[in-house]
Amino acid sequence: MPENARATHLDAVRERNLASVLGAVAHHQPVTRARLAELTGLTKTTVTGQVAVLERLRLVVGADPVRVGGRGRPGAPVSLAPGPVAGLGLEVNGQYLAACVLDMTGAVRARATVAGDNRGRRPDATVAALADLAGRIAAEAAASGLDIVGTAVALPGVLVEDRVNAPNLGWDAVPAADLLTAALPVQPFGVTVDNEANFGALGELWYGAGQGAGSYLYLSGETGVGAGIVVGGKLFRGAHGAAGELGHVVVDPDGRPCRCGGAGCLEQVAGLDALLRTAGIPDASGTAAAGLAELERRLAEGDPAALQAAAAAGAGLAIALTGAVNLLDPDTVVLGGIHARLAPWLVPTVEAAVARSGSRLRGRTPAVRAASLGTESAVRGAAGTAIARIFADPGALA
């Protein structure tokens, strides 16, 4: 083997070992070096060296000594460091921008939401506003001693060859990754861009209702409706990265025109705009939280128009999710975004429809539950993705 090839191979082995040790710390902390050697299959000498590197990179810290078996010298365990290394998640929604900072332990260290109507706004203007929010949240994190090393951005659209189609924003083949990379600070792990439903599914997997849910379908409900699919603990993206566009499944062929070019799509009955319109709540552009709160209030009071809106949304969701359940056979359906807030009025309809259709063939009916992170699923999943990149390649911080 040529000398340069051997060096490259050894570097790759060291990188894998470093990631393996960091992952073992995350899953078994606090954990001694001896135990890490058992978990990773590496020698104790190698583990000791890797832990020293991780300590220099500020990714792990020493914990209180522990005595194994009640005798012998106490072990010197390590745990993930709650700082200063951190990841930033950003989200662009039709009616707000959001930001969230997580440290290596997954703890939320800073968060912010800025209301504003981004529908029809120029992409560069939206990106500039998002960069301003990112700068402010980064300054807040820095004041707490945190150093953001990577950013992930959730967008309500489909990524096609590094361009984003987001009908609800009015974006058509926008080079979002290039715009965001140019607008945000240079960081070791750069900028990752993905669909907000995918990030929402990951947010629930790592920090919310997806834990213990098996393979599941996550439904994202905001201005539009999307879905993220988790199979065996991993995100399923489809052949071209566009899996999960459940919001554009036709549930009413004679229904309202959709921004995607079709008609009667699910989001035209179950998206936030559709719900507020049917409930007779004035369009509160840029104040989605206020509109949703008013809808919840009217539903709780039994307002007929609000109940009609929830019934129409539930019926549409039932049609789309019945087909998705029969196709994908998930263990669980997780209702996210606004649908998590409206779960008391939506879950019974969805559960009944899913139980009626195909349960004899499948032998079981998937559970239907509300996302525990509510409208924060996507931004938390984005921040978690930034952290996941650190776990995958901690040596990039060197």
Protein backbone atom coordinates (compact mmCIF):
# COMPACT_ATOMS: atom_id res chain seq x y z
CA MET A 1 0.00 0.00 0.00
CA PRO A 2 1.46 3.44 -0.93
CA GLU A 3 2.48 5.59 2.02
CA ASN A 4 -0.16 8.26 1.37
CA ALA A 5 -2.89 5.62 1.03
CA ARG A 6 -1.79 4.03 4.33
CA ALA A 7 -1.91 7.42 6.05
CA THR A 8 -5.38 8.07 4.66
CA HIS A 9 -6.54 4.66 5.86
CA LEU A 10 -5.16 5.23 9.37
CA ASP A 11 -6.80 8.64 9.54
CA ALA A 12 -10.13 7.11 8.57
CA VAL A 13 -9.76 4.45 11.27
CA ARG A 14 -8.97 7.09 13.90
CA GLU A 15 -12.00 9.13 12.84
CA ARG A 16 -14.27 6.09 13.09
CA ASN A 17 -12.85 5.19 16.50
CA LEU A 18 -13.34 8.75 17.75
CA ALA A 19 -16.97 8.76 16.62
CA SER A 20 -17.51 5.30 18.11
CA VAL A 21 -16.19 6.35 21.52
CA LEU A 22 -18.23 9.57 21.52
CA GLY A 23 -21.38 7.63 20.61
CA ALA A 24 -20.75 5.13 23.41
CA VAL A 25 -20.33 7.98 25.90
CA ALA A 26 -23.66 9.45 24.77
CA HIS A 27 -25.55 6.19 25.22
CA HIS A 28 -23.95 4.99 28.48
CA GLN A 29 -22.83 8.11 30.36
CA PRO A 30 -21.34 8.42 32.86
CA VAL A 31 -19.04 5.66 31.66
CA THR A 32 -15.50 4.62 32.52
CA ARG A 33 -12.74 4.09 29.99
CA ALA A 34 -12.68 0.39 30.82
CA ARG A 35 -16.38 0.12 30.06
CA LEU A 36 -15.91 2.11 26.85
CA ALA A 37 -13.30 -0.41 25.75
CA GLU A 38 -15.84 -3.21 26.29
CA LEU A 39 -18.58 -1.33 24.45
CA THR A 40 -16.49 -0.35 21.42
CA GLY A 41 -14.20 -3.37 21.15
CA LEU A 42 -11.17 -1.07 21.23
CA THR A 43 -8.20 -1.48 23.54
CA LYS A 44 -8.20 0.51 26.75
CA THR A 45 -5.09 2.33 25.56
CA THR A 46 -6.85 3.37 22.35
CA VAL A 47 -9.95 4.47 24.28
CA THR A 48 -7.84 6.50 26.70
CA GLY A 49 -6.24 8.30 23.78
CA GLN A 50 -9.59 8.95 22.11
CA VAL A 51 -11.13 10.28 25.32
CA ALA A 52 -8.18 12.65 25.65
CA VAL A 53 -8.89 13.93 22.13
CA LEU A 54 -12.59 14.35 22.90
CA GLU A 55 -11.71 16.28 26.05
CA ARG A 56 -9.48 18.59 24.03
CA LEU A 57 -12.31 19.11 21.57
CA ARG A 58 -14.55 20.05 24.54
CA LEU A 59 -17.03 17.29 23.76
CA VAL A 60 -16.71 15.22 26.96
CA VAL A 61 -15.89 16.01 30.58
CA GLY A 62 -14.91 13.97 33.60
CA ALA A 63 -17.65 12.87 35.99
CA ASP A 64 -17.52 11.83 39.63
CA PRO A 65 -15.48 8.63 40.19
CA VAL A 66 -17.45 5.41 40.56
CA ARG A 67 -16.47 2.14 42.25
CA VAL A 68 -17.34 -0.98 40.25
CA GLY A 69 -18.49 -3.98 42.26
CA GLY A 70 -17.85 -2.26 45.57
CA ARG A 71 -14.07 -2.83 45.56
CA GLY A 72 -10.92 -1.73 43.82
CA ARG A 73 -9.90 1.72 42.69
CA PRO A 74 -12.83 3.94 41.68
CA GLY A 75 -13.18 4.39 37.93
CA ALA A 76 -12.91 7.82 36.32
CA PRO A 77 -16.00 8.10 34.10
CA VAL A 78 -16.73 10.68 31.42
CA SER A 79 -19.96 12.26 30.20
CA LEU A 80 -21.00 14.51 27.36
CA ALA A 81 -20.03 18.12 27.94
CA PRO A 82 -23.01 20.48 28.31
CA GLY A 83 -20.94 23.12 26.52
CA PRO A 84 -19.39 24.98 24.94
CA VAL A 85 -19.98 23.07 21.68
CA ALA A 86 -23.53 23.61 20.38
CA GLY A 87 -25.71 23.30 17.28
CA LEU A 88 -28.24 25.75 15.86
CA GLY A 89 -31.58 24.86 14.32
CA LEU A 90 -33.51 27.37 12.20
CA GLU A 91 -36.98 27.11 10.67
CA VAL A 92 -38.76 29.07 7.97
CA ASN A 93 -42.54 28.78 8.24
CA GLY A 94 -45.22 30.60 6.30
CA GLN A 95 -46.06 32.74 9.31
CA TYR A 96 -42.95 32.75 11.49
CA LEU A 97 -39.21 32.18 11.76
CA ALA A 98 -37.79 30.10 14.61
CA ALA A 99 -34.40 29.32 16.13
CA CYS A 100 -33.19 26.83 18.73
CA VAL A 101 -29.75 26.10 20.21
CA LEU A 102 -28.92 22.67 21.64
CA ASP A 103 -25.79 21.60 23.47
CA MET A 104 -24.18 18.16 23.12
CA THR A 105 -26.51 16.69 25.75
CA GLY A 106 -29.57 17.70 23.72
CA ALA A 107 -30.60 20.38 26.19
CA VAL A 108 -32.27 23.51 24.81
CA ARG A 109 -30.03 26.44 25.70
CA ALA A 110 -31.74 29.21 23.73
CA ARG A 111 -34.85 29.58 21.57
CA ALA A 112 -36.71 32.36 19.78
CA THR A 113 -39.64 32.81 17.40
CA VAL A 114 -40.37 35.84 15.23
CA ALA A 115 -43.89 36.20 13.84
CA GLY A 116 -44.20 37.50 10.29
CA ASP A 117 -45.84 36.63 6.98
CA ASN A 118 -43.23 34.95 4.76
CA ARG A 119 -45.72 33.89 2.07
CA GLY A 120 -44.83 35.65 -1.16
CA ARG A 121 -41.85 37.37 0.41
CA ARG A 122 -38.69 37.43 -1.72
CA PRO A 123 -36.41 34.50 -0.80
CA ASP A 124 -33.42 36.77 -0.23
CA ALA A 125 -35.47 38.92 2.16
CA THR A 126 -36.60 35.87 4.12
CA VAL A 127 -33.04 34.54 4.28
CA ALA A 128 -31.80 37.95 5.48
CA ALA A 129 -34.42 37.98 8.26
CA LEU A 130 -33.47 34.43 9.22
CA ALA A 131 -29.79 35.38 9.32
CA ASP A 132 -30.64 38.30 11.60
CA LEU A 133 -32.50 35.94 13.94
CA ALA A 134 -29.57 33.50 13.81
CA GLY A 135 -27.16 36.27 14.74
CA ARG A 136 -29.25 37.32 17.73
CA ILE A 137 -29.70 33.78 19.05
CA ALA A 138 -25.99 33.06 18.51
CA ALA A 139 -25.10 36.14 20.56
CA GLU A 140 -27.42 34.94 23.33
CA ALA A 141 -25.78 31.50 23.21
CA ALA A 142 -22.29 33.04 23.27
CA ALA A 143 -23.22 35.02 26.37
CA SER A 144 -23.92 31.65 28.02
CA GLY A 145 -20.50 30.35 26.98
CA LEU A 146 -21.66 28.34 23.97
CA ASP A 147 -19.94 28.06 20.59
CA ILE A 148 -22.21 27.16 17.65
CA VAL A 149 -20.30 24.91 15.25
CA GLY A 150 -23.05 23.86 12.83
CA THR A 151 -26.49 24.96 11.62
CA ALA A 152 -29.44 23.13 10.06
CA VAL A 153 -32.39 24.89 8.43
CA ALA A 154 -35.92 23.52 8.07
CA LEU A 155 -37.85 24.70 5.01
CA PRO A 156 -41.51 23.98 4.07
CA GLY A 157 -40.75 22.62 0.63
CA VAL A 158 -39.19 19.90 -1.48
CA LEU A 159 -35.46 19.88 -2.21
CA VAL A 160 -34.71 19.00 -5.82
CA GLU A 161 -31.06 19.01 -6.86
CA ASP A 162 -30.06 21.60 -4.23
CA ARG A 163 -33.01 23.84 -5.05
CA VAL A 164 -36.18 24.27 -3.05
CA ASN A 165 -39.74 24.30 -4.33
CA ALA A 166 -41.96 25.72 -1.59
CA PRO A 167 -45.39 26.67 -3.01
CA ASN A 168 -46.65 28.05 0.30
CA LEU A 169 -43.76 30.51 0.35
CA GLY A 170 -43.93 31.23 -3.37
CA TRP A 171 -40.46 29.71 -3.88
CA ASP A 172 -39.76 28.02 -7.21
CA ALA A 173 -36.37 26.30 -7.64
CA VAL A 174 -34.73 28.65 -5.13
CA PRO A 175 -31.02 27.88 -4.41
CA ALA A 176 -31.74 28.03 -0.69
CA ALA A 177 -28.57 26.24 0.46
CA ASP A 178 -26.38 28.72 -1.43
CA LEU A 179 -28.34 31.70 -0.08
CA LEU A 180 -28.19 30.41 3.48
CA THR A 181 -24.52 29.48 3.34
CA ALA A 182 -23.67 32.96 2.09
CA ALA A 183 -25.82 34.67 4.75
CA LEU A 184 -24.79 32.64 7.81
CA PRO A 185 -21.38 32.60 9.55
CA VAL A 186 -18.76 30.09 8.46
CA GLN A 187 -18.80 27.11 10.84
CA PRO A 188 -16.90 23.79 10.95
CA PHE A 189 -20.01 21.80 10.02
CA GLY A 190 -21.53 24.37 7.69
CA VAL A 191 -25.23 24.59 6.86
CA THR A 192 -27.60 21.63 6.33
CA VAL A 193 -30.97 22.23 4.62
CA ASP A 194 -33.94 19.85 4.63
CA ASN A 195 -37.71 19.66 4.57
CA GLU A 196 -39.37 20.76 7.81
CA ALA A 197 -41.44 17.57 8.08
CA ASN A 198 -38.27 15.47 7.94
CA PHE A 199 -36.72 17.55 10.69
CA GLY A 200 -39.99 17.36 12.64
CA ALA A 201 -39.93 13.56 12.47
CA LEU A 202 -36.33 13.54 13.73
CA GLY A 203 -37.13 16.01 16.49
CA GLU A 204 -39.83 13.70 17.81
CA LEU A 205 -37.56 10.66 17.35
CA TRP A 206 -34.76 12.13 19.44
CA TYR A 207 -36.61 14.28 21.95
CA GLY A 208 -40.35 13.64 21.81
CA ALA A 209 -43.21 11.29 21.03
CA GLY A 210 -41.17 9.26 18.53
CA GLN A 211 -39.21 7.67 21.36
CA GLY A 212 -40.56 4.16 21.76
CA ALA A 213 -42.94 4.64 18.81
CA GLY A 214 -41.24 2.08 16.55
CA SER A 215 -41.47 2.89 12.87
CA TYR A 216 -43.80 5.83 12.48
CA LEU A 217 -45.36 8.42 10.22
CA TYR A 218 -44.99 11.98 11.47
CA LEU A 219 -47.55 14.45 10.17
CA SER A 220 -46.45 18.07 10.06
CA GLY A 221 -49.28 20.60 10.13
CA GLU A 222 -48.67 24.32 9.67
CA THR A 223 -49.62 26.55 6.72
CA GLY A 224 -49.06 23.43 4.64
CA VAL A 225 -49.10 19.75 5.54
CA GLY A 226 -46.22 17.33 5.12
CA ALA A 227 -45.00 14.04 6.52
CA GLY A 228 -41.75 12.53 7.71
CA ILE A 229 -41.30 8.77 7.69
CA VAL A 230 -39.10 7.03 10.27
CA VAL A 231 -38.29 3.36 9.65
CA GLY A 232 -36.13 1.44 12.09
CA GLY A 233 -34.93 4.64 13.74
CA LYS A 234 -33.84 6.23 10.46
CA LEU A 235 -35.48 8.78 8.19
CA PHE A 236 -36.86 7.38 4.94
CA ARG A 237 -36.44 9.94 2.15
CA GLY A 238 -37.54 8.04 -0.96
CA ALA A 239 -35.59 7.60 -4.18
CA HIS A 240 -35.18 11.35 -4.79
CA GLY A 241 -35.56 12.80 -1.31
CA ALA A 242 -39.20 13.84 -1.74
CA ALA A 243 -40.98 11.14 0.28
CA GLY A 244 -43.72 12.31 2.60
CA GLU A 245 -45.58 14.96 0.58
CA LEU A 246 -48.85 13.89 2.18
CA GLY A 247 -50.23 17.42 2.07
CA HIS A 248 -50.69 17.10 -1.66
CA VAL A 249 -52.64 13.86 -1.56
CA VAL A 250 -56.04 14.65 -3.06
CA VAL A 251 -58.82 14.14 -0.51
CA ASP A 252 -61.52 16.12 -2.36
CA PRO A 253 -61.29 16.03 -6.19
CA ASP A 254 -63.76 18.93 -6.40
CA GLY A 255 -62.02 20.94 -3.70
CA ARG A 256 -60.20 24.25 -3.64
CA PRO A 257 -57.19 24.93 -5.90
CA CYS A 258 -53.85 24.30 -4.23
CA ARG A 259 -50.63 26.28 -4.61
CA CYS A 260 -48.98 23.10 -5.91
CA GLY A 261 -51.13 23.33 -9.05
CA GLY A 262 -53.60 20.64 -8.07
CA ALA A 263 -56.99 20.86 -6.37
CA GLY A 264 -58.56 19.35 -3.26
CA CYS A 265 -55.21 18.59 -1.60
CA LEU A 266 -55.13 17.65 2.07
CA GLU A 267 -53.62 20.98 3.10
CA GLN A 268 -56.63 22.75 1.58
CA VAL A 269 -58.78 21.26 4.35
CA ALA A 270 -56.28 20.51 7.14
CA GLY A 271 -53.66 23.28 6.86
CA LEU A 272 -53.82 26.25 9.21
CA ASP A 273 -55.09 28.68 6.57
CA ALA A 274 -57.87 26.26 5.63
CA LEU A 275 -58.87 25.66 9.24
CA LEU A 276 -59.07 29.37 10.05
CA ARG A 277 -60.99 30.08 6.85
CA THR A 278 -63.59 27.37 7.51
CA ALA A 279 -63.91 28.43 11.16
CA GLY A 280 -64.57 32.03 10.10
CA ILE A 281 -61.47 33.38 11.83
CA PRO A 282 -59.99 36.35 9.94
CA ASP A 283 -56.64 35.81 8.25
CA ALA A 284 -54.12 36.85 10.90
CA SER A 285 -51.13 37.07 8.56
CA GLY A 286 -47.92 36.74 10.51
CA THR A 287 -49.71 35.83 13.74
CA ALA A 288 -50.28 32.11 13.36
CA ALA A 289 -50.10 31.59 17.12
CA ALA A 290 -52.96 34.04 17.69
CA GLY A 291 -55.13 32.43 15.01
CA LEU A 292 -54.50 28.94 16.36
CA ALA A 293 -55.21 30.04 19.92
CA GLU A 294 -58.50 31.60 18.81
CA LEU A 295 -59.45 28.38 17.00
CA GLU A 296 -58.70 26.33 20.12
CA ARG A 297 -60.78 28.69 22.23
CA ARG A 298 -63.76 28.41 19.89
CA LEU A 299 -63.46 24.64 19.72
CA ALA A 300 -63.42 24.39 23.51
CA GLU A 301 -66.56 26.53 23.64
CA GLY A 302 -68.31 24.35 21.04
CA ASP A 303 -68.50 27.00 18.32
CA PRO A 304 -70.30 25.35 15.33
CA ALA A 305 -68.04 26.84 12.64
CA ALA A 306 -64.88 25.84 14.51
CA LEU A 307 -66.21 22.32 15.04
CA GLN A 308 -67.06 22.13 11.33
CA ALA A 309 -63.50 23.15 10.48
CA ALA A 310 -62.06 20.48 12.78
CA ALA A 311 -64.45 17.87 11.39
CA ALA A 312 -63.45 18.68 7.80
CA ALA A 313 -59.77 18.56 8.72
CA GLY A 314 -60.24 15.27 10.55
CA ALA A 315 -62.07 13.74 7.60
CA GLY A 316 -59.32 14.83 5.21
CA LEU A 317 -56.62 13.52 7.49
CA ALA A 318 -58.49 10.24 7.84
CA ILE A 319 -58.56 9.73 4.06
CA ALA A 320 -54.88 10.56 3.58
CA LEU A 321 -53.62 8.68 6.62
CA THR A 322 -55.69 5.57 5.90
CA GLY A 323 -53.95 5.27 2.55
CA ALA A 324 -50.55 6.00 4.07
CA VAL A 325 -51.05 3.44 6.84
CA ASN A 326 -52.11 0.75 4.37
CA LEU A 327 -49.09 1.55 2.21
CA LEU A 328 -46.42 1.92 4.90
CA ASP A 329 -47.72 -0.23 7.81
CA PRO A 330 -46.28 2.01 10.58
CA ASP A 331 -46.40 1.19 14.28
CA THR A 332 -47.52 4.73 15.11
CA VAL A 333 -48.92 7.90 13.58
CA VAL A 334 -47.66 11.08 15.25
CA LEU A 335 -49.67 14.26 14.69
CA GLY A 336 -47.34 17.26 14.79
CA GLY A 337 -47.46 21.03 14.46
CA ILE A 338 -50.92 22.55 14.74
CA HIS A 339 -52.44 19.06 14.59
CA ALA A 340 -50.78 18.24 17.92
CA ARG A 341 -52.55 21.23 19.46
CA LEU A 342 -55.85 20.15 17.87
CA ALA A 343 -55.39 16.46 18.69
CA PRO A 344 -58.45 16.23 21.02
CA TRP A 345 -60.69 17.06 18.05
CA LEU A 346 -58.74 15.16 15.36
CA VAL A 347 -57.43 11.94 16.90
CA PRO A 348 -60.81 10.18 17.38
CA THR A 349 -61.71 10.62 13.70
CA VAL A 350 -58.29 9.46 12.51
CA GLU A 351 -58.23 6.49 14.90
CA ALA A 352 -61.67 5.32 13.83
CA ALA A 353 -60.85 5.59 10.11
CA VAL A 354 -57.54 3.76 10.43
CA ALA A 355 -59.15 1.02 12.52
CA ARG A 356 -61.93 0.51 9.97
CA SER A 357 -59.64 0.27 6.97
CA GLY A 358 -57.24 -2.61 6.61
CA SER A 359 -56.93 -3.69 10.23
CA ARG A 360 -58.18 -7.19 9.39
CA LEU A 361 -55.46 -7.52 6.78
CA ARG A 362 -52.70 -6.06 8.97
CA GLY A 363 -53.88 -7.73 12.17
CA ARG A 364 -53.25 -4.56 14.13
CA THR A 365 -54.05 -0.87 14.16
CA PRO A 366 -51.26 1.69 14.58
CA ALA A 367 -51.40 3.98 17.58
CA VAL A 368 -52.24 7.63 16.94
CA ARG A 369 -50.61 10.16 19.25
CA ALA A 370 -49.86 13.87 19.43
CA ALA A 371 -46.31 15.12 19.02
CA SER A 372 -44.96 16.10 22.43
CA LEU A 373 -42.86 18.97 21.02
CA GLY A 374 -45.87 20.59 19.36
CA THR A 375 -44.88 23.33 16.93
CA GLU A 376 -41.19 23.05 17.94
CA SER A 377 -40.63 19.60 16.42
CA ALA A 378 -38.98 20.88 13.23
CA VAL A 379 -36.66 23.45 14.77
CA ARG A 380 -35.62 20.97 17.48
CA GLY A 381 -35.00 18.32 14.83
CA ALA A 382 -32.92 20.80 12.84
CA ALA A 383 -30.78 21.64 15.88
CA GLY A 384 -30.49 17.93 16.67
CA THR A 385 -29.28 17.29 13.13
CA ALA A 386 -26.51 19.84 13.63
CA ILE A 387 -25.54 17.95 16.80
CA ALA A 388 -25.77 14.59 14.99
CA ARG A 389 -23.17 15.80 12.47
CA ILE A 390 -20.77 16.41 15.34
CA PHE A 391 -21.32 12.88 16.62
CA ALA A 392 -20.68 11.50 13.14
CA ASP A 393 -17.38 13.35 12.68
CA PRO A 394 -16.09 14.87 15.93
CA GLY A 395 -12.59 15.16 14.47
CA ALA A 396 -13.80 17.95 12.19
CA LEU A 397 -13.56 20.26 15.19
CA ALA A 398 -9.81 19.77 15.43
